[in-house]
Every structure is written in C-alpha cells, then in structure tokens.
Amino acid sequence: MHMRRRAVTALVVVGLVALVVASAASAQGAKKLEPLNQYLVSGRINPEDLARAGYDLTTLLAGG
C-alpha cells in the first residue's frame, strides 16, 4: 500500500515539475512588446508634399 502511495506522489511531483519547466520555457519565448514611437513634426511641413513623397497620412488626417 505504501509503494502505491509513493508511486502516485512521485508521479504528481514529476508532473508538477514538468508544468513548471514548460511554463518557464514558454515565458522565455514570448516576445516583448515594444513601445509605439510617435513623432511630433513642427515647422513648415505641407501635408500634400508628404503625401507626394509617399507618407501615409490617413491616420493623421482622420484624427485616430
């Protein structure tokens, strides 16, 4: 009877260790979120010139 209890306890411990190792490994592989870099442009900038140069102004002009 004691052998069976020890075997069950050993399996539970091995299972818990496997879960901890797996969660630590998956946490290492997670990508870190990088901040969104926003820039404030001032001066004599014409939005039409920026659009002709290939800059996407739809989000800026839409206000969101």
N, C-alpha and C. Protein backbone atom coordinates (compact mmCIF):
# COMPACT_ATOMS: atom_id res chain seq x y z
N MET A 1 0.81 -1.18 0.00
CA MET A 1 0.00 0.00 0.00
C MET A 1 0.86 1.26 0.00
N HIS A 2 1.95 1.24 0.76
CA HIS A 2 2.84 2.40 0.82
C HIS A 2 3.58 2.60 -0.50
N MET A 3 3.85 1.54 -1.21
CA MET A 3 4.53 1.63 -2.51
C MET A 3 3.64 2.36 -3.50
N ARG A 4 2.37 2.06 -3.48
CA ARG A 4 1.44 2.70 -4.41
C ARG A 4 1.34 4.20 -4.11
N ARG A 5 1.28 4.53 -2.82
CA ARG A 5 1.18 5.95 -2.43
C ARG A 5 2.45 6.69 -2.85
N ARG A 6 3.60 6.08 -2.67
CA ARG A 6 4.85 6.70 -3.09
C ARG A 6 4.91 6.87 -4.60
N ALA A 7 4.42 5.89 -5.32
CA ALA A 7 4.43 5.97 -6.78
C ALA A 7 3.51 7.11 -7.25
N VAL A 8 2.34 7.23 -6.65
CA VAL A 8 1.42 8.31 -7.02
C VAL A 8 2.02 9.66 -6.67
N THR A 9 2.63 9.76 -5.50
CA THR A 9 3.26 11.01 -5.09
C THR A 9 4.39 11.38 -6.03
N ALA A 10 5.19 10.40 -6.43
CA ALA A 10 6.29 10.64 -7.35
C ALA A 10 5.77 11.12 -8.70
N LEU A 11 4.69 10.53 -9.19
CA LEU A 11 4.11 10.95 -10.46
C LEU A 11 3.56 12.38 -10.39
N VAL A 12 2.94 12.71 -9.27
CA VAL A 12 2.42 14.06 -9.10
C VAL A 12 3.56 15.07 -9.09
N VAL A 13 4.64 14.75 -8.37
CA VAL A 13 5.79 15.66 -8.31
C VAL A 13 6.42 15.82 -9.68
N VAL A 14 6.58 14.72 -10.41
CA VAL A 14 7.17 14.80 -11.75
C VAL A 14 6.27 15.63 -12.67
N GLY A 15 4.97 15.45 -12.56
CA GLY A 15 4.04 16.23 -13.37
C GLY A 15 4.11 17.72 -13.06
N LEU A 16 4.19 18.07 -11.78
CA LEU A 16 4.30 19.47 -11.40
C LEU A 16 5.60 20.10 -11.88
N VAL A 17 6.69 19.34 -11.76
CA VAL A 17 7.98 19.85 -12.24
C VAL A 17 7.92 20.06 -13.75
N ALA A 18 7.29 19.14 -14.48
CA ALA A 18 7.18 19.29 -15.93
C ALA A 18 6.37 20.53 -16.29
N LEU A 19 5.30 20.81 -15.54
CA LEU A 19 4.50 22.01 -15.80
C LEU A 19 5.29 23.28 -15.55
N VAL A 20 6.06 23.30 -14.48
CA VAL A 20 6.86 24.48 -14.16
C VAL A 20 7.91 24.71 -15.23
N VAL A 21 8.57 23.66 -15.66
CA VAL A 21 9.61 23.79 -16.70
C VAL A 21 8.99 24.24 -18.01
N ALA A 22 7.83 23.69 -18.37
CA ALA A 22 7.18 24.06 -19.63
C ALA A 22 6.71 25.52 -19.60
N SER A 23 6.18 25.97 -18.47
CA SER A 23 5.72 27.35 -18.40
C SER A 23 6.90 28.33 -18.43
N ALA A 24 8.00 27.96 -17.82
CA ALA A 24 9.19 28.82 -17.85
C ALA A 24 9.76 28.90 -19.26
N ALA A 25 9.74 27.79 -19.97
CA ALA A 25 10.25 27.78 -21.34
C ALA A 25 9.37 28.60 -22.26
N SER A 26 8.06 28.53 -22.07
CA SER A 26 7.17 29.32 -22.93
C SER A 26 7.26 30.80 -22.60
N ALA A 27 7.54 31.14 -21.36
CA ALA A 27 7.67 32.55 -20.99
C ALA A 27 8.94 33.15 -21.60
N GLN A 28 9.98 32.36 -21.76
CA GLN A 28 11.20 32.86 -22.37
C GLN A 28 11.00 33.14 -23.85
N GLY A 29 10.16 32.36 -24.50
CA GLY A 29 9.94 32.53 -25.93
C GLY A 29 8.98 33.65 -26.26
N ALA A 30 8.31 34.23 -25.28
CA ALA A 30 7.34 35.29 -25.53
C ALA A 30 8.07 36.55 -25.97
N LYS A 31 7.49 37.22 -26.97
CA LYS A 31 8.09 38.46 -27.45
C LYS A 31 7.71 39.61 -26.53
N LYS A 32 8.64 40.50 -26.36
CA LYS A 32 8.38 41.68 -25.56
C LYS A 32 7.70 42.73 -26.43
N LEU A 33 6.75 43.44 -25.87
CA LEU A 33 6.09 44.50 -26.59
C LEU A 33 6.97 45.73 -26.63
N GLU A 34 7.13 46.28 -27.81
CA GLU A 34 7.92 47.48 -27.96
C GLU A 34 6.99 48.69 -27.95
N PRO A 35 7.45 49.79 -27.41
CA PRO A 35 6.60 50.98 -27.38
C PRO A 35 6.38 51.54 -28.78
N LEU A 36 5.25 52.17 -28.96
CA LEU A 36 4.95 52.83 -30.22
C LEU A 36 5.63 54.19 -30.22
N ASN A 37 6.54 54.38 -31.15
CA ASN A 37 7.27 55.64 -31.24
C ASN A 37 6.48 56.61 -32.10
N GLN A 38 6.00 57.68 -31.51
CA GLN A 38 5.28 58.71 -32.23
C GLN A 38 6.13 59.97 -32.26
N TYR A 39 6.03 60.68 -33.35
CA TYR A 39 6.84 61.87 -33.52
C TYR A 39 5.94 63.07 -33.76
N LEU A 40 6.32 64.20 -33.22
CA LEU A 40 5.62 65.45 -33.44
C LEU A 40 6.48 66.27 -34.39
N VAL A 41 5.91 66.62 -35.53
CA VAL A 41 6.63 67.38 -36.55
C VAL A 41 6.11 68.80 -36.53
N SER A 42 7.02 69.74 -36.45
CA SER A 42 6.61 71.14 -36.48
C SER A 42 7.43 71.87 -37.54
N GLY A 43 6.99 73.03 -37.88
CA GLY A 43 7.68 73.82 -38.89
C GLY A 43 6.83 73.95 -40.13
N ARG A 44 7.47 74.22 -41.22
CA ARG A 44 6.75 74.42 -42.49
C ARG A 44 6.66 73.11 -43.25
N ILE A 45 5.75 72.26 -42.82
CA ILE A 45 5.54 70.97 -43.46
C ILE A 45 4.18 71.00 -44.15
N ASN A 46 4.18 70.74 -45.43
CA ASN A 46 2.95 70.73 -46.20
C ASN A 46 2.47 69.28 -46.32
N PRO A 47 1.25 68.95 -45.85
CA PRO A 47 0.77 67.57 -45.93
C PRO A 47 0.72 67.03 -47.36
N GLU A 48 0.45 67.89 -48.33
CA GLU A 48 0.42 67.43 -49.73
C GLU A 48 1.81 67.00 -50.20
N ASP A 49 2.83 67.71 -49.75
CA ASP A 49 4.20 67.33 -50.11
C ASP A 49 4.57 65.98 -49.48
N LEU A 50 4.16 65.77 -48.25
CA LEU A 50 4.43 64.49 -47.61
C LEU A 50 3.70 63.36 -48.32
N ALA A 51 2.47 63.58 -48.71
CA ALA A 51 1.70 62.56 -49.43
C ALA A 51 2.37 62.23 -50.76
N ARG A 52 2.84 63.25 -51.48
CA ARG A 52 3.54 63.01 -52.76
C ARG A 52 4.85 62.26 -52.54
N ALA A 53 5.46 62.44 -51.36
CA ALA A 53 6.72 61.75 -51.06
C ALA A 53 6.48 60.31 -50.62
N GLY A 54 5.20 59.92 -50.44
CA GLY A 54 4.91 58.53 -50.13
C GLY A 54 4.52 58.26 -48.69
N TYR A 55 4.37 59.30 -47.88
CA TYR A 55 3.97 59.12 -46.49
C TYR A 55 2.46 58.92 -46.41
N ASP A 56 2.03 57.97 -45.59
CA ASP A 56 0.62 57.70 -45.39
C ASP A 56 0.09 58.63 -44.31
N LEU A 57 -0.81 59.50 -44.68
CA LEU A 57 -1.35 60.49 -43.75
C LEU A 57 -2.79 60.18 -43.36
N THR A 58 -3.31 59.03 -43.72
CA THR A 58 -4.73 58.76 -43.46
C THR A 58 -5.03 58.71 -41.99
N THR A 59 -4.17 58.11 -41.18
CA THR A 59 -4.42 58.04 -39.74
C THR A 59 -4.27 59.42 -39.12
N LEU A 60 -3.29 60.17 -39.55
CA LEU A 60 -3.07 61.51 -39.02
C LEU A 60 -4.25 62.42 -39.35
N LEU A 61 -4.70 62.38 -40.59
CA LEU A 61 -5.78 63.28 -41.02
C LEU A 61 -7.14 62.82 -40.49
N ALA A 62 -7.28 61.52 -40.20
CA ALA A 62 -8.54 61.01 -39.68
C ALA A 62 -8.68 61.29 -38.18
N GLY A 63 -7.60 61.71 -37.54
CA GLY A 63 -7.66 62.02 -36.12
C GLY A 63 -7.59 60.81 -35.22
N GLY A 64 -7.17 59.67 -35.71
CA GLY A 64 -7.12 58.50 -34.83
C GLY A 64 -6.02 57.68 -35.17
